[in-house]
Amino acid sequence: MYQERLGGNYSASPVYADGRIYCLSESGETIAFAPGPDFQLLARNPLEERCQASIAVSGGSLFIRSEKHLFCIQ
């Protein structure tokens, strides 16, 4: 397969949902990439809040808990 540096520090576990792999950095940036033999970045989305918990998935929504908020992304 491959090895790719995403940048940043990570405490949360990667999560697979809806054909994408999501990683959430401690600085609150969510990175989405496609599974497969080559790295394909799909998105980088900053929340600009400290995050250490893994993303939860339910009913087609992503739930992200930061130090101050709970985000629901559909």
PDB file of N, CA and C in Angstrom:
ATOM      1  N   MET A   1       0.837  -1.185   0.000  1.00  0.00           N
ATOM      2  CA  MET A   1       0.000   0.000   0.000  1.00  0.00           C
ATOM      3  C   MET A   1       0.882   1.249   0.000  1.00  0.00           C
ATOM      4  N   TYR A   2       0.527   2.240   0.776  1.00  0.00           N
ATOM      5  CA  TYR A   2       1.273   3.493   0.777  1.00  0.00           C
ATOM      6  C   TYR A   2       1.379   4.028   2.192  1.00  0.00           C
ATOM      7  N   GLN A   3       2.206   5.031   2.346  1.00  0.00           N
ATOM      8  CA  GLN A   3       2.363   5.726   3.614  1.00  0.00           C
ATOM      9  C   GLN A   3       2.283   7.215   3.311  1.00  0.00           C
ATOM     10  N   GLU A   4       1.492   7.946   4.095  1.00  0.00           N
ATOM     11  CA  GLU A   4       1.285   9.373   3.824  1.00  0.00           C
ATOM     12  C   GLU A   4       1.258  10.137   5.146  1.00  0.00           C
ATOM     13  N   ARG A   5       1.930  11.265   5.203  1.00  0.00           N
ATOM     14  CA  ARG A   5       1.894  12.131   6.380  1.00  0.00           C
ATOM     15  C   ARG A   5       0.749  13.122   6.219  1.00  0.00           C
ATOM     16  N   LEU A   6      -0.107  13.203   7.242  1.00  0.00           N
ATOM     17  CA  LEU A   6      -1.244  14.113   7.201  1.00  0.00           C
ATOM     18  C   LEU A   6      -0.924  15.453   7.840  1.00  0.00           C
ATOM     19  N   GLY A   7       0.087  15.502   8.662  1.00  0.00           N
ATOM     20  CA  GLY A   7       0.439  16.715   9.392  1.00  0.00           C
ATOM     21  C   GLY A   7      -0.405  16.840  10.643  1.00  0.00           C
ATOM     22  N   GLY A   8       0.153  17.373  11.696  1.00  0.00           N
ATOM     23  CA  GLY A   8      -0.584  17.550  12.944  1.00  0.00           C
ATOM     24  C   GLY A   8      -0.407  16.383  13.900  1.00  0.00           C
ATOM     25  N   ASN A   9      -1.072  16.488  15.031  1.00  0.00           N
ATOM     26  CA  ASN A   9      -1.048  15.453  16.065  1.00  0.00           C
ATOM     27  C   ASN A   9      -2.424  14.809  16.150  1.00  0.00           C
ATOM     28  N   TYR A  10      -2.442  13.503  16.393  1.00  0.00           N
ATOM     29  CA  TYR A  10      -3.695  12.753  16.384  1.00  0.00           C
ATOM     30  C   TYR A  10      -3.803  11.883  17.633  1.00  0.00           C
ATOM     31  N   SER A  11      -4.924  12.017  18.357  1.00  0.00           N
ATOM     32  CA  SER A  11      -5.259  11.153  19.478  1.00  0.00           C
ATOM     33  C   SER A  11      -6.433  10.257  19.109  1.00  0.00           C
ATOM     34  N   ALA A  12      -7.310  10.751  18.248  1.00  0.00           N
ATOM     35  CA  ALA A  12      -8.522  10.030  17.846  1.00  0.00           C
ATOM     36  C   ALA A  12      -8.186   8.925  16.844  1.00  0.00           C
ATOM     37  N   SER A  13      -8.999   7.897  16.847  1.00  0.00           N
ATOM     38  CA  SER A  13      -8.843   6.796  15.897  1.00  0.00           C
ATOM     39  C   SER A  13      -9.428   7.182  14.543  1.00  0.00           C
ATOM     40  N   PRO A  14      -8.843   6.693  13.455  1.00  0.00           N
ATOM     41  CA  PRO A  14      -9.457   6.899  12.143  1.00  0.00           C
ATOM     42  C   PRO A  14     -10.803   6.185  12.084  1.00  0.00           C
ATOM     43  N   VAL A  15     -11.723   6.720  11.291  1.00  0.00           N
ATOM     44  CA  VAL A  15     -13.068   6.152  11.168  1.00  0.00           C
ATOM     45  C   VAL A  15     -13.400   5.981   9.689  1.00  0.00           C
ATOM     46  N   TYR A  16     -13.989   4.833   9.340  1.00  0.00           N
ATOM     47  CA  TYR A  16     -14.447   4.594   7.974  1.00  0.00           C
ATOM     48  C   TYR A  16     -15.966   4.765   7.937  1.00  0.00           C
ATOM     49  N   ALA A  17     -16.464   5.595   7.015  1.00  0.00           N
ATOM     50  CA  ALA A  17     -17.910   5.799   6.856  1.00  0.00           C
ATOM     51  C   ALA A  17     -18.198   6.268   5.441  1.00  0.00           C
ATOM     52  N   ASP A  18     -19.224   5.714   4.842  1.00  0.00           N
ATOM     53  CA  ASP A  18     -19.714   6.139   3.532  1.00  0.00           C
ATOM     54  C   ASP A  18     -18.616   6.181   2.464  1.00  0.00           C
ATOM     55  N   GLY A  19     -17.735   5.180   2.473  1.00  0.00           N
ATOM     56  CA  GLY A  19     -16.698   5.087   1.462  1.00  0.00           C
ATOM     57  C   GLY A  19     -15.519   6.023   1.647  1.00  0.00           C
ATOM     58  N   ARG A  20     -15.387   6.608   2.840  1.00  0.00           N
ATOM     59  CA  ARG A  20     -14.284   7.524   3.131  1.00  0.00           C
ATOM     60  C   ARG A  20     -13.642   7.154   4.469  1.00  0.00           C
ATOM     61  N   ILE A  21     -12.389   7.529   4.621  1.00  0.00           N
ATOM     62  CA  ILE A  21     -11.696   7.395   5.901  1.00  0.00           C
ATOM     63  C   ILE A  21     -11.509   8.797   6.451  1.00  0.00           C
ATOM     64  N   TYR A  22     -11.906   8.994   7.709  1.00  0.00           N
ATOM     65  CA  TYR A  22     -11.831  10.300   8.368  1.00  0.00           C
ATOM     66  C   TYR A  22     -10.811  10.241   9.498  1.00  0.00           C
ATOM     67  N   CYS A  23      -9.964  11.263   9.565  1.00  0.00           N
ATOM     68  CA  CYS A  23      -9.021  11.430  10.669  1.00  0.00           C
ATOM     69  C   CYS A  23      -9.246  12.816  11.255  1.00  0.00           C
ATOM     70  N   LEU A  24      -9.252  12.888  12.580  1.00  0.00           N
ATOM     71  CA  LEU A  24      -9.494  14.155  13.282  1.00  0.00           C
ATOM     72  C   LEU A  24      -8.259  14.508  14.102  1.00  0.00           C
ATOM     73  N   SER A  25      -7.631  15.635  13.769  1.00  0.00           N
ATOM     74  CA  SER A  25      -6.432  16.056  14.485  1.00  0.00           C
ATOM     75  C   SER A  25      -6.797  16.725  15.806  1.00  0.00           C
ATOM     76  N   GLU A  26      -5.819  16.836  16.689  1.00  0.00           N
ATOM     77  CA  GLU A  26      -6.041  17.483  17.984  1.00  0.00           C
ATOM     78  C   GLU A  26      -6.373  18.963  17.829  1.00  0.00           C
ATOM     79  N   SER A  27      -5.966  19.575  16.720  1.00  0.00           N
ATOM     80  CA  SER A  27      -6.289  20.990  16.490  1.00  0.00           C
ATOM     81  C   SER A  27      -7.680  21.161  15.886  1.00  0.00           C
ATOM     82  N   GLY A  28      -8.381  20.043  15.614  1.00  0.00           N
ATOM     83  CA  GLY A  28      -9.756  20.106  15.129  1.00  0.00           C
ATOM     84  C   GLY A  28      -9.906  20.048  13.625  1.00  0.00           C
ATOM     85  N   GLU A  29      -8.866  19.643  12.909  1.00  0.00           N
ATOM     86  CA  GLU A  29      -8.987  19.525  11.457  1.00  0.00           C
ATOM     87  C   GLU A  29      -9.390  18.094  11.098  1.00  0.00           C
ATOM     88  N   THR A  30     -10.479  17.973  10.346  1.00  0.00           N
ATOM     89  CA  THR A  30     -10.910  16.671   9.852  1.00  0.00           C
ATOM     90  C   THR A  30     -10.370  16.489   8.445  1.00  0.00           C
ATOM     91  N   ILE A  31      -9.724  15.352   8.227  1.00  0.00           N
ATOM     92  CA  ILE A  31      -9.175  15.016   6.919  1.00  0.00           C
ATOM     93  C   ILE A  31      -9.919  13.790   6.417  1.00  0.00           C
ATOM     94  N   ALA A  32     -10.420  13.864   5.208  1.00  0.00           N
ATOM     95  CA  ALA A  32     -11.117  12.740   4.578  1.00  0.00           C
ATOM     96  C   ALA A  32     -10.311  12.293   3.368  1.00  0.00           C
ATOM     97  N   PHE A  33     -10.119  10.981   3.261  1.00  0.00           N
ATOM     98  CA  PHE A  33      -9.437  10.443   2.088  1.00  0.00           C
ATOM     99  C   PHE A  33     -10.074   9.131   1.681  1.00  0.00           C
ATOM    100  N   ALA A  34      -9.846   8.759   0.433  1.00  0.00           N
ATOM    101  CA  ALA A  34     -10.454   7.557  -0.134  1.00  0.00           C
ATOM    102  C   ALA A  34      -9.600   6.338   0.218  1.00  0.00           C
ATOM    103  N   PRO A  35     -10.237   5.220   0.570  1.00  0.00           N
ATOM    104  CA  PRO A  35      -9.479   3.992   0.757  1.00  0.00           C
ATOM    105  C   PRO A  35      -9.006   3.482  -0.605  1.00  0.00           C
ATOM    106  N   GLY A  36      -7.898   2.795  -0.631  1.00  0.00           N
ATOM    107  CA  GLY A  36      -7.411   2.250  -1.891  1.00  0.00           C
ATOM    108  C   GLY A  36      -5.903   2.184  -1.925  1.00  0.00           C
ATOM    109  N   PRO A  37      -5.358   1.746  -3.037  1.00  0.00           N
ATOM    110  CA  PRO A  37      -3.909   1.536  -3.140  1.00  0.00           C
ATOM    111  C   PRO A  37      -3.096   2.823  -3.242  1.00  0.00           C
ATOM    112  N   ASP A  38      -3.730   3.959  -3.586  1.00  0.00           N
ATOM    113  CA  ASP A  38      -3.046   5.242  -3.690  1.00  0.00           C
ATOM    114  C   ASP A  38      -3.747   6.272  -2.813  1.00  0.00           C
ATOM    115  N   PHE A  39      -2.972   7.197  -2.242  1.00  0.00           N
ATOM    116  CA  PHE A  39      -3.549   8.237  -1.398  1.00  0.00           C
ATOM    117  C   PHE A  39      -4.329   9.229  -2.253  1.00  0.00           C
ATOM    118  N   GLN A  40      -5.586   9.446  -1.886  1.00  0.00           N
ATOM    119  CA  GLN A  40      -6.438  10.409  -2.587  1.00  0.00           C
ATOM    120  C   GLN A  40      -7.148  11.263  -1.544  1.00  0.00           C
ATOM    121  N   LEU A  41      -6.646  12.467  -1.324  1.00  0.00           N
ATOM    122  CA  LEU A  41      -7.236  13.397  -0.368  1.00  0.00           C
ATOM    123  C   LEU A  41      -8.560  13.909  -0.917  1.00  0.00           C
ATOM    124  N   LEU A  42      -9.607  13.819  -0.108  1.00  0.00           N
ATOM    125  CA  LEU A  42     -10.932  14.284  -0.526  1.00  0.00           C
ATOM    126  C   LEU A  42     -11.289  15.630   0.090  1.00  0.00           C
ATOM    127  N   ALA A  43     -10.857  15.875   1.334  1.00  0.00           N
ATOM    128  CA  ALA A  43     -11.230  17.136   1.996  1.00  0.00           C
ATOM    129  C   ALA A  43     -10.374  17.377   3.231  1.00  0.00           C
ATOM    130  N   ARG A  44     -10.213  18.649   3.563  1.00  0.00           N
ATOM    131  CA  ARG A  44      -9.623  19.109   4.831  1.00  0.00           C
ATOM    132  C   ARG A  44     -10.574  20.178   5.366  1.00  0.00           C
ATOM    133  N   ASN A  45     -11.102  19.951   6.559  1.00  0.00           N
ATOM    134  CA  ASN A  45     -12.083  20.875   7.137  1.00  0.00           C
ATOM    135  C   ASN A  45     -11.688  21.228   8.568  1.00  0.00           C
ATOM    136  N   PRO A  46     -11.315  22.484   8.827  1.00  0.00           N
ATOM    137  CA  PRO A  46     -10.927  22.885  10.177  1.00  0.00           C
ATOM    138  C   PRO A  46     -12.130  23.290  11.034  1.00  0.00           C
ATOM    139  N   LEU A  47     -12.130  22.854  12.283  1.00  0.00           N
ATOM    140  CA  LEU A  47     -13.129  23.304  13.253  1.00  0.00           C
ATOM    141  C   LEU A  47     -12.549  24.387  14.156  1.00  0.00           C
ATOM    142  N   GLU A  48     -11.229  24.466  14.206  1.00  0.00           N
ATOM    143  CA  GLU A  48     -10.514  25.452  15.015  1.00  0.00           C
ATOM    144  C   GLU A  48     -10.855  25.357  16.499  1.00  0.00           C
ATOM    145  N   GLU A  49     -11.059  24.121  16.957  1.00  0.00           N
ATOM    146  CA  GLU A  49     -11.240  23.835  18.381  1.00  0.00           C
ATOM    147  C   GLU A  49     -10.489  22.553  18.693  1.00  0.00           C
ATOM    148  N   ARG A  50      -9.962  22.460  19.891  1.00  0.00           N
ATOM    149  CA  ARG A  50      -9.207  21.279  20.296  1.00  0.00           C
ATOM    150  C   ARG A  50     -10.133  20.058  20.355  1.00  0.00           C
ATOM    151  N   CYS A  51      -9.692  18.958  19.745  1.00  0.00           N
ATOM    152  CA  CYS A  51     -10.456  17.708  19.697  1.00  0.00           C
ATOM    153  C   CYS A  51      -9.532  16.539  20.017  1.00  0.00           C
ATOM    154  N   GLN A  52      -9.994  15.611  20.857  1.00  0.00           N
ATOM    155  CA  GLN A  52      -9.208  14.420  21.140  1.00  0.00           C
ATOM    156  C   GLN A  52     -10.042  13.145  21.044  1.00  0.00           C
ATOM    157  N   ALA A  53     -11.341  13.267  20.946  1.00  0.00           N
ATOM    158  CA  ALA A  53     -12.217  12.098  20.859  1.00  0.00           C
ATOM    159  C   ALA A  53     -12.363  11.667  19.398  1.00  0.00           C
ATOM    160  N   SER A  54     -12.580  10.390  19.193  1.00  0.00           N
ATOM    161  CA  SER A  54     -12.806   9.865  17.846  1.00  0.00           C
ATOM    162  C   SER A  54     -14.158  10.325  17.320  1.00  0.00           C
ATOM    163  N   ILE A  55     -14.274  10.429  16.021  1.00  0.00           N
ATOM    164  CA  ILE A  55     -15.534  10.771  15.367  1.00  0.00           C
ATOM    165  C   ILE A  55     -16.508   9.612  15.554  1.00  0.00           C
ATOM    166  N   ALA A  56     -17.756   9.921  15.880  1.00  0.00           N
ATOM    167  CA  ALA A  56     -18.813   8.909  15.973  1.00  0.00           C
ATOM    168  C   ALA A  56     -19.686   9.014  14.727  1.00  0.00           C
ATOM    169  N   VAL A  57     -20.169   7.874  14.253  1.00  0.00           N
ATOM    170  CA  VAL A  57     -20.995   7.823  13.050  1.00  0.00           C
ATOM    171  C   VAL A  57     -22.322   7.173  13.398  1.00  0.00           C
ATOM    172  N   SER A  58     -23.427   7.824  12.981  1.00  0.00           N
ATOM    173  CA  SER A  58     -24.756   7.258  13.213  1.00  0.00           C
ATOM    174  C   SER A  58     -25.747   7.872  12.228  1.00  0.00           C
ATOM    175  N   GLY A  59     -26.524   7.027  11.579  1.00  0.00           N
ATOM    176  CA  GLY A  59     -27.591   7.497  10.705  1.00  0.00           C
ATOM    177  C   GLY A  59     -27.132   8.421   9.594  1.00  0.00           C
ATOM    178  N   GLY A  60     -25.944   8.204   9.049  1.00  0.00           N
ATOM    179  CA  GLY A  60     -25.446   9.052   7.978  1.00  0.00           C
ATOM    180  C   GLY A  60     -24.857  10.375   8.443  1.00  0.00           C
ATOM    181  N   SER A  61     -24.712  10.561   9.749  1.00  0.00           N
ATOM    182  CA  SER A  61     -24.150  11.794  10.309  1.00  0.00           C
ATOM    183  C   SER A  61     -22.830  11.508  11.005  1.00  0.00           C
ATOM    184  N   LEU A  62     -21.955  12.507  11.007  1.00  0.00           N
ATOM    185  CA  LEU A  62     -20.713  12.441  11.766  1.00  0.00           C
ATOM    186  C   LEU A  62     -20.873  13.321  13.000  1.00  0.00           C
ATOM    187  N   PHE A  63     -20.487  12.796  14.146  1.00  0.00           N
ATOM    188  CA  PHE A  63     -20.543  13.554  15.397  1.00  0.00           C
ATOM    189  C   PHE A  63     -19.119  13.776  15.879  1.00  0.00           C
ATOM    190  N   ILE A  64     -18.768  15.047  16.080  1.00  0.00           N
ATOM    191  CA  ILE A  64     -17.428  15.418  16.507  1.00  0.00           C
ATOM    192  C   ILE A  64     -17.543  16.204  17.801  1.00  0.00           C
ATOM    193  N   ARG A  65     -16.858  15.720  18.832  1.00  0.00           N
ATOM    194  CA  ARG A  65     -16.866  16.402  20.130  1.00  0.00           C
ATOM    195  C   ARG A  65     -15.553  17.149  20.312  1.00  0.00           C
ATOM    196  N   SER A  66     -15.665  18.446  20.553  1.00  0.00           N
ATOM    197  CA  SER A  66     -14.484  19.265  20.849  1.00  0.00           C
ATOM    198  C   SER A  66     -14.495  19.574  22.345  1.00  0.00           C
ATOM    199  N   GLU A  67     -13.577  20.433  22.775  1.00  0.00           N
ATOM    200  CA  GLU A  67     -13.555  20.823  24.190  1.00  0.00           C
ATOM    201  C   GLU A  67     -14.814  21.562  24.604  1.00  0.00           C
ATOM    202  N   LYS A  68     -15.436  22.299  23.653  1.00  0.00           N
ATOM    203  CA  LYS A  68     -16.560  23.153  24.011  1.00  0.00           C
ATOM    204  C   LYS A  68     -17.874  22.826  23.309  1.00  0.00           C
ATOM    205  N   HIS A  69     -17.840  22.072  22.218  1.00  0.00           N
ATOM    206  CA  HIS A  69     -19.043  21.851  21.410  1.00  0.00           C
ATOM    207  C   HIS A  69     -19.160  20.407  20.952  1.00  0.00           C
ATOM    208  N   LEU A  70     -20.386  20.059  20.551  1.00  0.00           N
ATOM    209  CA  LEU A  70     -20.653  18.795  19.866  1.00  0.00           C
ATOM    210  C   LEU A  70     -21.193  19.165  18.502  1.00  0.00           C
ATOM    211  N   PHE A  71     -20.503  18.755  17.457  1.00  0.00           N
ATOM    212  CA  PHE A  71     -20.887  19.059  16.091  1.00  0.00           C
ATOM    213  C   PHE A  71     -21.555  17.848  15.466  1.00  0.00           C
ATOM    214  N   CYS A  72     -22.615  18.064  14.697  1.00  0.00           N
ATOM    215  CA  CYS A  72     -23.284  17.028  13.917  1.00  0.00           C
ATOM    216  C   CYS A  72     -23.193  17.458  12.445  1.00  0.00           C
ATOM    217  N   ILE A  73     -22.507  16.658  11.649  1.00  0.00           N
ATOM    218  CA  ILE A  73     -22.282  16.989  10.240  1.00  0.00           C
ATOM    219  C   ILE A  73     -22.971  15.951   9.383  1.00  0.00           C
ATOM    220  N   GLN A  74     -23.863  16.434   8.499  1.00  0.00           N
ATOM    221  CA  GLN A  74     -24.621  15.532   7.633  1.00  0.00           C
ATOM    222  C   GLN A  74     -24.216  15.717   6.205  1.00  0.00           C
TER     223      GLN A  74
END
